[in-house]
């Protein structure tokens, strides 16, 4: 583990004048929960290693005096092992100036040196594309064993093919990709189970300089507009043909018939039928739940399934999405981040239907002062319990800023389950200074970039430098599991069931979750004091399963479909 000094990195930005409810522990709320092995007081924390990381990227939003609506929405990034050397490299998406097409603002690629530091290889790699970027997705779309990048942008999206020699080529036109909308998040997945990755892209609103609206805060100062000032739009679904090209099947699949202010997308099998579904978080329009019909089409079922609105019938300002098995019942629950003065939306999965348990599980009061975007759910201290990291940043001027003169910056939050009540609580203050840095944060890229067995965090900040947070966990055993297709690419949406120490945990290969980011494609599971993995069951994307027994702990395990480990 790299040794670093804790530091607070702050950059100034614009400063001008119920039905059945079960607790996250899996027990009924009135049942006593056994305390966990670690308390907040003895929990290890994060170190801010930004200044020593070698990452010199600064996100640019544009001209500070114009308040163009898209400016505050970016940017994102990805953990991607582009050179296949076994550690995670970092791609950061640049925005720039909406009115400046000179190409001086470019996305950046950093190679992991394997010692906790990074080297900028943007220019030599060809990944330093321009255009007003938002987020990205990572996946091996052409089955050559090298991870490629899909970059969402304000106007035309870009597909970057990894050439396998350390370079990338923009193959957007040749691949048949065409999306000239104001796109936000994207995700690779295989919706038709043909072995080729497809791409789902969320588009936000219909925006152009001709439709730009001038808005003002209650104080009379100019401010960013509400998305409802613009017309909602439709998302895109591109089907991979297997020859390096894509077909736009948005209409054929039924996606094009529904509009919304799409900000985040998560692809996973929510109804446990073996086929990947899609959940889209929309900003102040009803969420979309696309149920895979297994014939190349989807049915939008959010309202019927209870996940279009909160329990109060509100279409929340859905920003970021995470899905994990919070209650231990072997299916994936949803957690959607929300705007200031509203609780985050926590949806308990009841066999493909959903119940809003936001307040029962504690995702209420502590969230109200903040506007949240990025989110990551992981076991920070490796004790078998899930924690939540949330990236906050305002979208309209705060009447009472967290920092004098800065009307948009907010502190981020680290959320832990109270082992006595089963409710999630904000423990940020108890974990130290790095989590209290004030910025306009957007994406949370989670992954074990230093390969020491715990999950680290990179926070992307709007109009500022990202924050690199190294996890210093030293307690609890762990396993890191890499699931690969026979072609060599990561087996996106493959699942594992890990039984160790008398406990079973469920995880999935799902790098595309959160907001505008792609995370570590390797599965990480905290094992507490278990000394062996008794049973590891893998369910591959095509439905095939295999079982491995008596696997070692504290090691990186690699499994390739159809081959022994």
Protein backbone atom coordinates (compact mmCIF):
# COMPACT_ATOMS: atom_id res chain seq x y z
CA UNK A 1 0.00 0.00 0.00
CA UNK A 2 1.35 3.41 -0.92
CA UNK A 3 2.19 5.71 1.97
CA UNK A 4 0.85 9.22 1.60
CA UNK A 5 0.09 12.29 3.61
CA UNK A 6 -3.52 13.28 4.12
CA UNK A 7 -4.29 16.52 2.30
CA UNK A 8 -7.36 18.58 1.56
CA UNK A 9 -7.64 19.43 -2.13
CA UNK A 10 -9.99 22.34 -2.75
CA UNK A 11 -10.31 24.35 -5.95
CA UNK A 12 -12.35 27.54 -6.14
CA UNK A 13 -15.11 27.56 -8.71
CA UNK A 14 -17.65 30.18 -9.64
CA UNK A 15 -17.99 32.63 -6.76
CA UNK A 16 -19.72 35.60 -8.36
CA UNK A 17 -22.04 37.63 -6.21
CA UNK A 18 -45.72 0.32 2.90
CA UNK A 19 -46.26 -3.07 2.16
CA UNK A 20 -43.86 -5.65 3.61
CA UNK A 21 -40.70 -3.90 4.67
CA UNK A 22 -37.51 -5.68 5.66
CA UNK A 23 -34.43 -4.00 7.12
CA UNK A 24 -31.13 -3.96 5.20
CA UNK A 25 -29.79 -6.62 7.55
CA UNK A 26 -32.42 -9.07 6.33
CA UNK A 27 -34.29 -8.97 9.67
CA UNK A 28 -37.64 -7.39 10.44
CA UNK A 29 -37.18 -3.85 11.84
CA UNK A 30 -38.32 -4.83 15.33
CA UNK A 31 -35.80 -7.65 15.66
CA UNK A 32 -32.49 -7.03 17.41
CA UNK A 33 -29.55 -7.00 15.02
CA UNK A 34 -26.24 -8.56 16.08
CA UNK A 35 -23.51 -5.90 16.23
CA UNK A 36 -20.91 -6.04 13.46
CA UNK A 37 -17.25 -6.78 14.13
CA UNK A 38 -16.19 -3.15 13.57
CA UNK A 39 -17.60 0.05 15.05
CA UNK A 40 -17.42 3.48 13.48
CA UNK A 41 -14.71 4.43 15.96
CA UNK A 42 -12.26 1.69 14.97
CA UNK A 43 -13.09 1.73 11.27
CA UNK A 44 -10.18 2.57 8.96
CA UNK A 45 -10.42 5.66 6.75
CA UNK A 46 -9.37 7.08 3.40
CA UNK A 47 -6.22 9.04 2.60
CA UNK A 48 -6.37 11.89 0.11
CA UNK A 49 -3.42 11.09 -2.18
CA UNK A 50 -4.39 13.42 -5.02
CA UNK A 51 -1.21 15.48 -4.86
CA UNK A 52 1.00 12.38 -5.05
CA UNK A 53 -1.01 10.42 -7.62
CA UNK A 54 0.43 12.00 -10.77
CA UNK A 55 -3.07 12.91 -11.96
CA UNK A 56 -2.99 16.55 -13.03
CA UNK A 57 -6.36 16.65 -14.79
CA UNK A 58 -8.65 19.61 -14.16
CA UNK A 59 -12.20 19.47 -15.46
CA UNK A 60 -13.28 22.55 -17.42
CA UNK A 61 -16.95 23.47 -17.66
CA UNK A 62 -16.69 26.45 -20.00
CA UNK A 63 -16.99 30.20 -19.73
CA UNK A 64 -17.82 30.97 -16.10
CA UNK A 65 -20.07 33.89 -16.93
CA UNK A 66 -22.57 32.29 -19.30
CA UNK A 67 -24.46 29.69 -17.18
CA UNK A 68 -25.19 27.35 -20.10
CA UNK A 69 -27.41 24.54 -18.86
CA UNK A 70 -25.06 21.58 -19.68
CA UNK A 71 -22.09 23.08 -17.83
CA UNK A 72 -22.82 21.73 -14.35
CA UNK A 73 -23.59 18.13 -15.38
CA UNK A 74 -20.09 16.69 -16.12
CA UNK A 75 -17.78 15.04 -16.00
CA UNK A 76 -17.12 11.36 -15.54
CA UNK A 77 -14.42 8.76 -16.05
CA UNK A 78 -13.47 5.10 -15.97
CA UNK A 79 -11.16 2.58 -14.41
CA UNK A 80 -9.90 0.60 -17.40
CA UNK A 81 -6.97 -1.81 -17.71
CA UNK A 82 -6.30 -0.71 -21.27
CA UNK A 83 -2.85 -2.32 -21.49
CA UNK A 84 -3.81 -5.61 -19.79
CA UNK A 85 -0.98 -5.45 -17.24
CA UNK A 86 -3.25 -6.34 -14.32
CA UNK A 87 -3.81 -2.93 -12.76
CA UNK A 88 -6.43 -0.25 -13.30
CA UNK A 89 -5.64 2.73 -15.49
CA UNK A 90 -7.76 5.88 -15.44
CA UNK A 91 -9.67 7.69 -18.19
CA UNK A 92 -11.12 11.12 -17.34
CA UNK A 93 -13.73 12.83 -19.53
CA UNK A 94 -13.21 16.49 -20.33
CA UNK A 95 -15.97 18.97 -21.16
CA UNK A 96 -14.48 22.35 -22.13
CA UNK A 97 -16.08 25.46 -23.53
CA UNK A 98 -19.41 24.94 -25.28
CA UNK A 99 -18.66 27.82 -27.66
CA UNK A 100 -15.03 26.90 -28.34
CA UNK A 101 -14.43 24.21 -30.98
CA UNK A 102 -10.65 24.63 -31.09
CA UNK A 103 -10.05 21.24 -29.46
CA UNK A 104 -7.80 22.61 -26.71
CA UNK A 105 -9.81 20.84 -23.99
CA UNK A 106 -9.35 17.07 -24.25
CA UNK A 107 -10.12 13.92 -22.28
CA UNK A 108 -7.11 12.32 -20.62
CA UNK A 109 -5.78 8.78 -20.14
CA UNK A 110 -3.45 7.90 -17.25
CA UNK A 111 -1.46 4.66 -17.09
CA UNK A 112 -1.21 3.02 -13.68
CA UNK A 113 2.48 2.60 -12.83
CA UNK A 114 1.72 -0.15 -10.34
CA UNK A 115 3.03 1.80 -7.36
CA UNK A 116 0.00 3.90 -6.57
CA UNK A 117 0.89 6.60 -9.11
CA UNK A 118 -0.19 7.37 -12.66
CA UNK A 119 1.49 8.69 -15.82
CA UNK A 120 -0.34 10.79 -18.40
CA UNK A 121 -0.25 8.91 -21.74
CA UNK A 122 -3.10 10.80 -23.39
CA UNK A 123 -1.35 12.15 -26.46
CA UNK A 124 0.49 8.96 -27.37
CA UNK A 125 -2.62 6.82 -26.84
CA UNK A 126 -5.02 8.70 -29.07
CA UNK A 127 -7.61 8.68 -26.29
CA UNK A 128 -7.31 12.44 -25.85
CA UNK A 129 -10.42 13.27 -27.86
CA UNK A 130 -12.06 16.68 -27.74
CA UNK A 131 -15.76 17.54 -27.83
CA UNK A 132 -17.89 18.53 -24.87
CA UNK A 133 -17.72 15.28 -22.90
CA UNK A 134 -19.99 14.03 -20.13
CA UNK A 135 -19.32 10.39 -19.15
CA UNK A 136 -18.15 7.04 -20.47
CA UNK A 137 -18.64 3.29 -20.48
CA UNK A 138 -15.99 0.57 -20.82
CA UNK A 139 -16.35 -2.84 -22.46
CA UNK A 140 -14.78 -5.13 -25.06
CA UNK A 141 -17.33 -4.60 -27.84
CA UNK A 142 -15.34 -6.36 -30.60
CA UNK A 143 -14.31 -9.43 -28.59
CA UNK A 144 -10.57 -9.00 -29.10
CA UNK A 145 -9.72 -9.12 -25.39
CA UNK A 146 -8.99 -5.39 -25.04
CA UNK A 147 -11.35 -3.00 -23.29
CA UNK A 148 -12.81 -0.21 -25.43
CA UNK A 149 -14.44 3.11 -24.47
CA UNK A 150 -17.76 4.72 -25.31
CA UNK A 151 -17.75 8.47 -24.49
CA UNK A 152 -20.98 10.41 -24.08
CA UNK A 153 -20.89 14.04 -25.22
CA UNK A 154 -23.11 17.07 -25.57
CA UNK A 155 -23.41 16.64 -29.30
CA UNK A 156 -21.93 13.52 -30.94
CA UNK A 157 -20.89 10.49 -28.87
CA UNK A 158 -17.62 8.69 -29.60
CA UNK A 159 -16.59 5.03 -29.69
CA UNK A 160 -12.87 4.48 -29.07
CA UNK A 161 -11.49 1.11 -30.16
CA UNK A 162 -8.56 -0.23 -28.15
CA UNK A 163 -6.01 -1.35 -30.72
CA UNK A 164 -4.16 -3.59 -28.28
CA UNK A 165 -0.87 -1.74 -28.65
CA UNK A 166 -1.52 1.07 -26.17
CA UNK A 167 -3.45 3.21 -28.64
CA UNK A 168 -7.10 3.98 -29.39
CA UNK A 169 -8.87 4.84 -32.64
CA UNK A 170 -12.12 6.78 -32.96
CA UNK A 171 -14.33 4.36 -34.91
CA UNK A 172 -17.68 6.02 -34.24
CA UNK A 173 -18.73 6.37 -37.88
CA UNK A 174 -17.33 3.02 -39.01
CA UNK A 175 -19.15 1.25 -36.17
CA UNK A 176 -22.49 2.78 -37.11
CA UNK A 177 -22.90 4.72 -33.89
CA UNK A 178 -24.97 7.88 -34.24
CA UNK A 179 -26.18 9.81 -31.21
CA UNK A 180 -26.01 13.58 -31.55
CA UNK A 181 -28.17 14.30 -28.49
CA UNK A 182 -27.21 15.69 -25.07
CA UNK A 183 -26.19 12.29 -23.71
CA UNK A 184 -25.17 11.52 -20.12
CA UNK A 185 -24.54 7.95 -18.94
CA UNK A 186 -24.02 4.79 -20.96
CA UNK A 187 -23.56 1.10 -20.21
CA UNK A 188 -22.33 -1.97 -22.08
CA UNK A 189 -24.42 -5.15 -21.67
CA UNK A 190 -25.60 -8.13 -23.70
CA UNK A 191 -29.38 -7.83 -23.81
CA UNK A 192 -29.98 -10.59 -26.39
CA UNK A 193 -27.41 -13.08 -25.00
CA UNK A 194 -25.67 -13.52 -28.35
CA UNK A 195 -22.19 -13.04 -26.89
CA UNK A 196 -21.77 -9.52 -28.29
CA UNK A 197 -21.92 -6.40 -26.14
CA UNK A 198 -24.68 -3.88 -26.78
CA UNK A 199 -24.82 -0.25 -25.58
CA UNK A 200 -27.59 1.62 -23.76
CA UNK A 201 -27.24 5.42 -23.76
CA UNK A 202 -29.27 7.85 -21.67
CA UNK A 203 -30.06 11.22 -23.25
CA UNK A 204 -30.91 14.10 -20.94
CA UNK A 205 -32.96 16.89 -22.58
CA UNK A 206 -33.35 18.49 -25.99
CA UNK A 207 -30.80 21.27 -25.73
CA UNK A 208 -29.02 23.55 -28.16
CA UNK A 209 -27.80 27.12 -28.11
CA UNK A 210 -31.07 28.02 -29.83
CA UNK A 211 -33.14 26.55 -26.99
CA UNK A 212 -30.95 27.89 -24.16
CA UNK A 213 -33.04 29.63 -21.48
CA UNK A 214 -31.83 32.35 -19.13
CA UNK A 215 -32.72 31.69 -15.49
CA UNK A 216 -32.27 33.47 -12.18
CA UNK A 217 -32.11 32.55 -8.50
CA UNK A 218 -34.53 33.98 -5.94
CA UNK A 219 -31.85 36.52 -5.06
CA UNK A 220 -32.02 37.86 -8.61
CA UNK A 221 -28.57 36.55 -9.55
CA UNK A 222 -28.24 34.63 -12.79
CA UNK A 223 -28.31 30.87 -12.24
CA UNK A 224 -28.55 27.53 -14.00
CA UNK A 225 -31.99 26.44 -15.18
CA UNK A 226 -34.16 23.58 -14.01
CA UNK A 227 -34.32 20.68 -16.54
CA UNK A 228 -38.07 21.18 -16.78
CA UNK A 229 -37.33 24.32 -18.78
CA UNK A 230 -36.39 21.96 -21.61
CA UNK A 231 -38.11 19.16 -23.51
CA UNK A 232 -37.43 15.54 -22.43
CA UNK A 233 -35.91 13.24 -25.02
CA UNK A 234 -35.52 9.54 -25.79
CA UNK A 235 -32.67 7.15 -24.98
CA UNK A 236 -30.74 4.99 -27.42
CA UNK A 237 -30.09 1.25 -27.66
CA UNK A 238 -27.37 -0.01 -29.99
CA UNK A 239 -27.16 -3.75 -30.70
CA UNK A 240 -23.70 -5.20 -31.32
CA UNK A 241 -23.60 -7.24 -34.52
CA UNK A 242 -20.41 -9.11 -33.64
CA UNK A 243 -18.40 -7.68 -36.53
CA UNK A 244 -17.39 -4.44 -34.83
CA UNK A 245 -20.50 -2.57 -35.94
CA UNK A 246 -23.77 -1.65 -34.24
CA UNK A 247 -27.42 -1.38 -35.22
CA UNK A 248 -29.66 1.28 -33.70
CA UNK A 249 -32.56 -0.83 -32.38
CA UNK A 250 -34.12 1.85 -30.19
CA UNK A 251 -37.42 1.75 -32.07
CA UNK A 252 -37.44 -1.98 -32.75
CA UNK A 253 -36.81 -2.74 -29.07
CA UNK A 254 -39.49 -0.30 -27.86
CA UNK A 255 -37.10 2.16 -26.21
CA UNK A 256 -37.82 5.09 -28.54
CA UNK A 257 -41.47 5.29 -27.52
CA UNK A 258 -40.77 6.84 -24.10
CA UNK A 259 -39.27 10.21 -23.20
CA UNK A 260 -37.52 11.26 -20.02
CA UNK A 261 -34.69 13.36 -18.61
CA UNK A 262 -32.21 10.47 -18.52
CA UNK A 263 -29.14 10.87 -16.32
CA UNK A 264 -28.06 7.37 -15.25
CA UNK A 265 -28.55 3.81 -16.43
CA UNK A 266 -28.02 0.46 -14.75
CA UNK A 267 -28.25 -2.88 -16.56
CA UNK A 268 -28.91 -6.00 -14.50
CA UNK A 269 -31.40 -8.87 -14.25
CA UNK A 270 -33.92 -7.39 -11.81
CA UNK A 271 -36.66 -10.04 -12.11
CA UNK A 272 -34.30 -13.03 -11.96
CA UNK A 273 -35.34 -14.60 -15.26
CA UNK A 274 -31.78 -14.81 -16.57
CA UNK A 275 -32.04 -11.86 -18.98
CA UNK A 276 -30.64 -8.41 -18.33
CA UNK A 277 -33.12 -5.59 -17.71
CA UNK A 278 -32.48 -1.83 -17.71
CA UNK A 279 -33.30 0.82 -15.10
CA UNK A 280 -32.97 4.51 -16.03
CA UNK A 281 -32.89 7.30 -13.46
CA UNK A 282 -34.68 10.33 -14.92
CA UNK A 283 -34.39 13.85 -13.54
CA UNK A 284 -37.87 14.97 -12.41
CA UNK A 285 -39.62 12.69 -14.87
CA UNK A 286 -40.76 9.13 -14.00
CA UNK A 287 -37.99 6.52 -13.99
CA UNK A 288 -37.96 3.83 -16.67
CA UNK A 289 -37.78 0.11 -15.93
CA UNK A 290 -37.17 -1.78 -19.16
CA UNK A 291 -38.09 -5.44 -18.67
CA UNK A 292 -36.33 -7.71 -21.15
CA UNK A 293 -38.85 -9.77 -23.12
CA UNK A 294 -36.17 -12.21 -24.34
CA UNK A 295 -37.10 -11.61 -27.99
CA UNK A 296 -35.12 -8.43 -28.67
CA UNK A 297 -37.77 -6.14 -27.18
CA UNK A 298 -38.44 -4.48 -23.83
CA UNK A 299 -41.59 -3.43 -21.98
CA UNK A 300 -41.51 -0.27 -19.84
CA UNK A 301 -42.96 -1.39 -16.50
CA UNK A 302 -41.78 1.13 -13.90
CA UNK A 303 -45.17 2.39 -12.74
CA UNK A 304 -46.68 -1.11 -12.47
CA UNK A 305 -43.58 -2.46 -10.71
CA UNK A 306 -43.41 0.37 -8.17
CA UNK A 307 -40.14 1.99 -9.25
CA UNK A 308 -41.24 4.99 -11.33
CA UNK A 309 -41.94 7.25 -8.35
CA UNK A 310 -41.26 7.52 -4.65
CA UNK A 311 -43.92 6.28 -2.25
CA UNK A 312 -45.29 9.84 -2.22
CA UNK A 313 -45.90 9.69 -5.96
CA UNK A 314 -43.00 12.02 -6.77
CA UNK A 315 -40.86 11.61 -9.86
CA UNK A 316 -37.59 12.27 -8.05
CA UNK A 317 -34.59 14.07 -9.51
CA UNK A 318 -32.86 10.77 -10.23
CA UNK A 319 -29.12 11.34 -10.68
CA UNK A 320 -27.06 8.19 -9.99
CA UNK A 321 -27.95 4.51 -9.49
CA UNK A 322 -26.45 1.61 -7.57
CA UNK A 323 -27.77 -1.94 -7.26
CA UNK A 324 -26.69 -4.38 -4.56
CA UNK A 325 -28.25 -7.04 -2.39
CA UNK A 326 -28.76 -4.79 0.65
CA UNK A 327 -31.04 -7.20 2.52
CA UNK A 328 -29.33 -10.51 1.75
CA UNK A 329 -32.23 -12.14 -0.09
CA UNK A 330 -30.24 -12.87 -3.29
CA UNK A 331 -31.75 -10.20 -5.54
CA UNK A 332 -30.59 -6.69 -6.33
CA UNK A 333 -32.16 -3.68 -4.65
CA UNK A 334 -31.85 -0.18 -6.13
CA UNK A 335 -30.53 3.01 -4.60
CA UNK A 336 -31.07 6.22 -6.59
CA UNK A 337 -29.54 9.54 -5.55
CA UNK A 338 -31.75 12.62 -5.36
CA UNK A 339 -31.77 16.38 -5.17
CA UNK A 340 -31.58 18.60 -2.08
CA UNK A 341 -34.59 18.52 0.30
CA UNK A 342 -35.65 15.05 -0.89
CA UNK A 343 -34.64 11.62 0.44
CA UNK A 344 -32.66 9.28 -1.77
CA UNK A 345 -34.83 6.56 -3.25
CA UNK A 346 -34.13 3.09 -1.86
CA UNK A 347 -36.17 0.40 -3.62
CA UNK A 348 -36.33 -3.08 -2.13
CA UNK A 349 -36.61 -5.73 -4.84
CA UNK A 350 -39.54 -8.08 -4.32
CA UNK A 351 -39.07 -10.47 -7.24
CA UNK A 352 -38.96 -7.77 -9.92
CA UNK A 353 -41.46 -5.49 -8.16
CA UNK A 354 -40.26 -2.79 -5.80
CA UNK A 355 -41.11 -1.25 -2.43
CA UNK A 356 -39.87 2.19 -1.37
CA UNK A 357 -38.01 1.60 1.92
CA UNK A 358 -36.02 4.84 1.84
CA UNK A 359 -37.07 5.94 5.31
CA UNK A 360 -37.12 2.50 6.90
CA UNK A 361 -33.54 1.89 5.83
CA UNK A 362 -32.42 5.35 6.90
CA UNK A 363 -31.92 7.11 3.55
CA UNK A 364 -33.76 10.19 4.71
CA UNK A 365 -32.75 13.01 7.04
CA UNK A 366 -29.00 13.05 6.49
CA UNK A 367 -29.54 13.35 2.72
CA UNK A 368 -31.80 16.40 2.78
CA UNK A 369 -29.17 19.20 2.80
CA UNK A 370 -27.38 17.81 -0.27
CA UNK A 371 -27.82 17.29 -4.00
CA UNK A 372 -26.26 13.93 -4.82
CA UNK A 373 -25.01 12.56 -8.13
CA UNK A 374 -22.42 9.76 -8.07
CA UNK A 375 -22.74 6.75 -5.81
CA UNK A 376 -20.70 3.66 -5.03
CA UNK A 377 -21.70 0.75 -2.79
CA UNK A 378 -18.91 -1.48 -1.49
CA UNK A 379 -17.46 -3.12 1.62
CA UNK A 380 -14.92 -0.51 2.71
CA UNK A 381 -13.54 -2.37 5.74
CA UNK A 382 -13.98 -5.94 4.42
CA UNK A 383 -16.24 -7.07 7.27
CA UNK A 384 -19.04 -8.33 5.01
CA UNK A 385 -21.30 -5.26 5.35
CA UNK A 386 -21.90 -2.75 2.57
CA UNK A 387 -21.08 0.94 2.86
CA UNK A 388 -22.12 3.80 0.55
CA UNK A 389 -20.08 6.69 -0.84
CA UNK A 390 -22.10 9.62 -2.22
CA UNK A 391 -20.80 12.54 -4.32
CA UNK A 392 -22.62 15.83 -3.73
CA UNK A 393 -22.76 19.14 -5.59
CA UNK A 394 -25.50 21.69 -6.12
CA UNK A 395 -27.13 22.54 -9.45
CA UNK A 396 -28.68 25.85 -8.40
CA UNK A 397 -27.26 28.57 -6.18
CA UNK A 398 -27.43 27.64 -2.50
CA UNK A 399 -29.04 30.33 -0.33
CA UNK A 400 -26.59 29.41 2.44
CA UNK A 401 -23.33 28.15 0.88
CA UNK A 402 -21.21 25.55 2.65
CA UNK A 403 -18.22 27.76 1.82
CA UNK A 404 -18.39 31.53 1.68
CA UNK A 405 -18.66 32.80 -1.88
CA UNK A 406 -19.10 29.34 -3.45
CA UNK A 407 -22.75 28.68 -4.22
CA UNK A 408 -22.49 25.12 -5.57
CA UNK A 409 -19.85 23.21 -3.56
CA UNK A 410 -20.93 20.57 -1.02
CA UNK A 411 -19.14 17.97 1.12
CA UNK A 412 -19.37 14.33 0.07
CA UNK A 413 -20.72 11.62 2.36
CA UNK A 414 -19.77 8.17 3.59
CA UNK A 415 -22.74 6.12 4.76
CA UNK A 416 -22.57 3.06 7.04
CA UNK A 417 -25.22 0.72 8.41
CA UNK A 418 -25.72 1.00 12.14
CA UNK A 419 -25.40 -2.60 13.31
CA UNK A 420 -27.83 -2.04 16.21
CA UNK A 421 -30.69 -0.45 14.26
CA UNK A 422 -30.11 -1.76 10.73
CA UNK A 423 -30.45 1.80 9.40
CA UNK A 424 -27.88 3.61 7.28
CA UNK A 425 -26.25 6.69 8.81
CA UNK A 426 -23.87 9.43 7.68
CA UNK A 427 -20.53 8.78 9.42
CA UNK A 428 -18.44 11.15 7.30
CA UNK A 429 -17.39 13.40 10.18
CA UNK A 430 -16.11 10.44 12.19
CA UNK A 431 -13.95 9.27 9.28
CA UNK A 432 -11.87 12.40 8.86
CA UNK A 433 -11.02 15.37 6.71
CA UNK A 434 -10.83 13.93 3.15
CA UNK A 435 -14.56 13.25 3.04
CA UNK A 436 -15.32 16.84 4.00
CA UNK A 437 -13.58 18.46 1.00
CA UNK A 438 -15.84 21.05 -0.62
CA UNK A 439 -16.30 20.74 -4.37
CA UNK A 440 -19.03 20.23 -6.94
CA UNK A 441 -18.65 16.47 -7.14
CA UNK A 442 -20.23 14.33 -9.82
CA UNK A 443 -18.87 10.82 -10.45
CA UNK A 444 -17.60 8.15 -8.06
CA UNK A 445 -15.19 5.71 -9.75
CA UNK A 446 -14.66 2.79 -7.37
CA UNK A 447 -12.01 0.10 -7.65
CA UNK A 448 -8.85 -1.41 -6.21
CA UNK A 449 -6.36 0.64 -8.21
CA UNK A 450 -3.39 -0.29 -5.97
CA UNK A 451 -4.31 -4.01 -5.88
CA UNK A 452 -4.09 -4.28 -2.10
CA UNK A 453 -7.46 -5.95 -1.58
CA UNK A 454 -9.72 -3.01 -0.77
CA UNK A 455 -11.80 -0.55 -2.78
CA UNK A 456 -10.41 2.92 -3.42
CA UNK A 457 -12.34 5.92 -4.70
CA UNK A 458 -11.79 8.57 -7.35
CA UNK A 459 -14.25 11.46 -7.18
CA UNK A 460 -14.70 13.48 -10.36
CA UNK A 461 -15.35 17.16 -9.69
CA UNK A 462 -16.98 19.72 -11.94
CA UNK A 463 -14.59 22.53 -12.92
CA UNK A 464 -11.91 21.18 -10.57
CA UNK A 465 -9.33 18.48 -10.06
CA UNK A 466 -10.55 14.96 -9.17
CA UNK A 467 -9.96 13.67 -5.65
CA UNK A 468 -8.06 10.40 -5.24
CA UNK A 469 -8.98 8.59 -2.03
CA UNK A 470 -6.89 5.59 -1.04
CA UNK A 471 -8.63 3.07 1.21
CA UNK A 472 -6.45 2.20 4.20
CA UNK A 473 -8.43 -0.82 5.43
CA UNK A 474 -6.21 -3.28 7.27
CA UNK A 475 -8.76 -5.61 8.86
CA UNK A 476 -10.92 -8.29 7.32
CA UNK A 477 -10.09 -10.91 4.71
CA UNK A 478 -11.19 -10.46 1.12
CA UNK A 479 -11.42 -11.93 -2.34
CA UNK A 480 -11.13 -10.23 -5.72
CA UNK A 481 -12.71 -12.21 -8.54
CA UNK A 482 -12.10 -11.60 -12.24
CA UNK A 483 -14.62 -13.25 -14.56
CA UNK A 484 -13.69 -13.39 -18.23
CA UNK A 485 -15.39 -14.54 -21.39
CA UNK A 486 -13.62 -17.06 -23.61
CA UNK A 487 -12.69 -14.17 -25.92
CA UNK A 488 -10.78 -12.54 -23.05
CA UNK A 489 -13.10 -9.62 -22.25
CA UNK A 490 -14.79 -9.17 -18.90
CA UNK A 491 -18.02 -11.15 -18.51
CA UNK A 492 -20.32 -8.20 -17.86
CA UNK A 493 -23.39 -9.20 -15.79
CA UNK A 494 -21.88 -12.52 -14.73
CA UNK A 495 -22.76 -13.20 -11.08
CA UNK A 496 -21.09 -14.87 -8.14
CA UNK A 497 -22.42 -16.36 -4.93
CA UNK A 498 -19.68 -16.47 -2.30
CA UNK A 499 -20.15 -18.61 0.81
CA UNK A 500 -17.55 -18.17 3.53
CA UNK A 501 -17.59 -18.03 7.32
CA UNK A 502 -21.22 -19.11 7.48
CA UNK A 503 -22.39 -16.23 5.29
CA UNK A 504 -23.39 -16.01 1.61
CA UNK A 505 -22.93 -12.83 -0.42
CA UNK A 506 -23.99 -12.02 -3.96
CA UNK A 507 -22.11 -9.80 -6.41
CA UNK A 508 -22.14 -9.06 -10.15
CA UNK A 509 -19.69 -7.88 -12.81
CA UNK A 510 -21.27 -4.48 -13.38
CA UNK A 511 -18.80 -1.66 -14.03
CA UNK A 512 -21.51 0.61 -15.43
CA UNK A 513 -23.30 2.01 -12.41
CA UNK A 514 -23.31 5.30 -10.54
CA UNK A 515 -23.25 8.48 -12.63
CA UNK A 516 -21.16 9.06 -15.79
CA UNK A 517 -18.57 6.44 -14.79
CA UNK A 518 -17.31 2.91 -15.33
CA UNK A 519 -15.84 1.21 -12.27
CA UNK A 520 -13.56 -1.74 -11.52
CA UNK A 521 -14.93 -4.72 -13.50
CA UNK A 522 -13.46 -7.13 -10.95
CA UNK A 523 -15.70 -8.31 -8.11
CA UNK A 524 -14.61 -7.50 -4.55
CA UNK A 525 -16.07 -9.26 -1.50
CA UNK A 526 -15.19 -8.64 2.14
CA UNK A 527 -14.93 -11.89 4.12
CA UNK A 528 -14.36 -10.68 7.72
CA UNK A 529 -12.42 -13.42 9.54
CA UNK A 530 -13.28 -16.31 7.16
CA UNK A 531 -10.12 -18.26 6.31
CA UNK A 532 -11.44 -20.03 3.21
CA UNK A 533 -14.18 -19.60 0.63
CA UNK A 534 -16.24 -22.73 1.13
CA UNK A 535 -18.18 -22.40 -2.11
CA UNK A 536 -18.06 -20.00 -5.04
CA UNK A 537 -20.86 -20.31 -7.59
CA UNK A 538 -20.58 -18.48 -10.90
CA UNK A 539 -23.56 -17.74 -13.15
CA UNK A 540 -22.31 -16.66 -16.57
CA UNK A 541 -24.26 -14.20 -18.77
CA UNK A 542 -25.62 -17.00 -20.97
CA UNK A 543 -27.08 -18.79 -17.93
CA UNK A 544 -24.38 -21.48 -17.56
CA UNK A 545 -23.20 -22.09 -14.00
CA UNK A 546 -20.13 -23.58 -12.40
CA UNK A 547 -19.08 -24.23 -8.81
CA UNK A 548 -15.62 -23.92 -7.20
CA UNK A 549 -15.02 -25.08 -3.64
CA UNK A 550 -12.33 -24.38 -1.02
CA UNK A 551 -10.94 -21.26 -2.67
CA UNK A 552 -8.21 -19.23 -0.91
CA UNK A 553 -8.84 -15.82 0.65
CA UNK A 554 -6.82 -12.61 0.21
CA UNK A 555 -6.02 -13.46 -3.39
CA UNK A 556 -7.01 -12.42 -6.88
CA UNK A 557 -8.99 -15.25 -8.50
CA UNK A 558 -9.44 -15.44 -12.26
CA UNK A 559 -12.07 -17.61 -13.95
CA UNK A 560 -12.66 -17.91 -17.68
CA UNK A 561 -15.93 -19.36 -18.88
CA UNK A 562 -15.49 -22.94 -20.03
CA UNK A 563 -12.04 -23.27 -18.46
CA UNK A 564 -10.85 -24.35 -15.03
CA UNK A 565 -9.20 -21.76 -12.79
